[in-house]
Amino acid sequence: MAGTSSIPPPFDSPPDGTRVRIRLTPKAGANRIGDVVADADGYGRLKVQVSAVPEKGKANKALLKLLSKSWGVGMRRLDLIAGAKDRNKTVRIAGEPAETLAMLDEWLQGRNKE
C-alpha cells in the first residue's frame, strides 16, 4: 500500500461505535480487501471486492462476512449503516471505539508491511 500515507484512514469513531468507509466492487473474481483510496471528498475508503452479485443484498452480506473474518470480529458487531444500494458504503462496528480503532489501525499497519 505504498503511497497511501497522505490519504486519511477510512475509520472514525462516533460515540456509538466505529465507522468504516468502503468502496465495494461486486461481481469480482475473488473476495479481497484492497488498498485505502481517497474518494471525491478526500475521505479514505477501503477498497473491497466480493464475488457476490449486487442482488437482494448478496454483495452486502458477502462484504460483512469478509470483514468479520479479516478483522476477527463477530458478524453481530457489524452493521451496514449507509450505502445499501451504492458502491460507497459505511459499516459500523459495535463496541468500544478506542479498542476497535486500535485493532483496525494495527490491522492496517500489518497490511502496509506486506
Protein backbone atom coordinates (compact mmCIF):
# COMPACT_ATOMS: atom_id res chain seq x y z
CA MET A 1 0.00 0.00 0.00
CA ALA A 2 2.82 2.31 -0.77
CA GLY A 3 1.89 5.90 -1.38
CA THR A 4 -1.28 5.86 0.72
CA SER A 5 0.19 7.77 3.68
CA SER A 6 -1.39 11.08 2.59
CA ILE A 7 -4.84 9.50 2.35
CA PRO A 8 -6.78 9.68 5.62
CA PRO A 9 -7.68 6.36 7.23
CA PRO A 10 -11.13 5.01 6.33
CA PHE A 11 -12.15 4.81 10.02
CA ASP A 12 -13.65 7.19 12.54
CA SER A 13 -15.28 6.70 15.91
CA PRO A 14 -18.52 8.41 16.87
CA PRO A 15 -19.86 7.51 20.34
CA ASP A 16 -21.98 4.59 19.04
CA GLY A 17 -19.11 2.52 17.62
CA THR A 18 -16.56 2.75 14.85
CA ARG A 19 -17.42 3.59 11.26
CA VAL A 20 -15.50 2.28 8.26
CA ARG A 21 -15.92 3.87 4.82
CA ILE A 22 -15.80 1.33 1.99
CA ARG A 23 -15.77 1.32 -1.80
CA LEU A 24 -17.28 -2.05 -2.81
CA THR A 25 -16.90 -3.77 -6.17
CA PRO A 26 -19.34 -6.67 -6.58
CA LYS A 27 -19.03 -9.49 -9.15
CA ALA A 28 -15.24 -9.56 -8.74
CA GLY A 29 -13.09 -12.60 -9.43
CA ALA A 30 -12.47 -13.16 -5.71
CA ASN A 31 -13.26 -11.76 -2.29
CA ARG A 32 -10.44 -9.46 -1.17
CA ILE A 33 -9.68 -6.28 0.69
CA GLY A 34 -7.51 -3.86 -1.24
CA ASP A 35 -5.86 -0.52 -0.57
CA VAL A 36 -7.20 2.63 1.01
CA VAL A 37 -8.14 5.16 -1.66
CA ALA A 38 -9.39 8.74 -1.48
CA ASP A 39 -12.95 9.43 -2.55
CA ALA A 40 -14.15 12.60 -4.30
CA ASP A 41 -14.48 14.37 -0.93
CA GLY A 42 -10.96 13.44 0.17
CA TYR A 43 -12.03 10.80 2.70
CA GLY A 44 -10.22 7.49 2.84
CA ARG A 45 -12.21 4.46 1.68
CA LEU A 46 -11.20 0.83 1.95
CA LYS A 47 -11.45 -0.85 -1.46
CA VAL A 48 -13.17 -4.20 -1.15
CA GLN A 49 -14.11 -6.72 -3.83
CA VAL A 50 -16.61 -9.54 -3.45
CA SER A 51 -17.60 -12.20 -5.95
CA ALA A 52 -21.29 -11.97 -4.98
CA VAL A 53 -23.76 -10.19 -7.22
CA PRO A 54 -25.44 -6.96 -6.07
CA GLU A 55 -28.90 -8.51 -5.95
CA LYS A 56 -31.10 -8.99 -2.89
CA GLY A 57 -28.31 -7.85 -0.58
CA LYS A 58 -25.95 -10.69 -1.54
CA ALA A 59 -22.93 -8.43 -2.11
CA ASN A 60 -23.58 -6.59 1.17
CA LYS A 61 -23.76 -9.89 3.08
CA ALA A 62 -20.54 -11.06 1.43
CA LEU A 63 -18.88 -7.77 2.40
CA LEU A 64 -19.84 -8.13 6.07
CA LYS A 65 -18.71 -11.77 6.11
CA LEU A 66 -15.32 -10.86 4.60
CA LEU A 67 -14.80 -8.00 7.07
CA SER A 68 -15.82 -10.21 10.00
CA LYS A 69 -13.30 -12.87 9.02
CA SER A 70 -10.49 -10.41 8.22
CA TRP A 71 -10.86 -8.40 11.42
CA GLY A 72 -11.75 -11.26 13.73
CA VAL A 73 -14.98 -9.63 14.89
CA GLY A 74 -18.35 -11.33 15.10
CA MET A 75 -20.96 -10.67 12.44
CA ARG A 76 -23.28 -9.35 15.15
CA ARG A 77 -20.88 -6.43 15.70
CA LEU A 78 -21.08 -5.34 12.04
CA ASP A 79 -23.90 -3.29 10.59
CA LEU A 80 -24.23 -1.66 7.17
CA ILE A 81 -25.44 1.83 8.08
CA ALA A 82 -25.16 3.61 4.72
CA GLY A 83 -24.95 2.72 1.05
CA ALA A 84 -27.08 -0.42 0.89
CA LYS A 85 -27.64 0.17 -2.84
CA ASP A 86 -24.47 2.13 -3.58
CA ARG A 87 -20.81 1.20 -4.07
CA ASN A 88 -19.81 3.66 -1.36
CA LYS A 89 -20.81 2.12 1.93
CA THR A 90 -20.37 2.75 5.63
CA VAL A 91 -20.11 -0.14 8.07
CA ARG A 92 -20.44 0.36 11.82
CA ILE A 93 -18.54 -1.88 14.21
CA ALA A 94 -20.27 -2.03 17.58
CA GLY A 95 -18.12 -2.00 20.67
CA GLU A 96 -15.64 0.20 22.48
CA PRO A 97 -14.42 2.72 19.84
CA ALA A 98 -10.89 3.10 21.24
CA GLU A 99 -10.30 -0.65 21.26
CA THR A 100 -11.82 -1.10 17.81
CA LEU A 101 -9.80 1.76 16.32
CA ALA A 102 -6.61 0.31 17.81
CA MET A 103 -7.42 -3.09 16.30
CA LEU A 104 -8.15 -1.54 12.88
CA ASP A 105 -5.00 0.60 12.96
CA GLU A 106 -2.92 -2.48 13.81
CA TRP A 107 -4.63 -4.46 11.03
CA LEU A 108 -3.99 -1.65 8.53
CA GLN A 109 -0.33 -1.32 9.59
CA GLY A 110 0.11 -5.07 9.16
CA ARG A 111 -1.21 -4.78 5.62
CA ASN A 112 1.18 -1.91 4.89
CA LYS A 113 4.12 -4.19 5.68
CA GLU A 114 3.06 -6.81 3.11
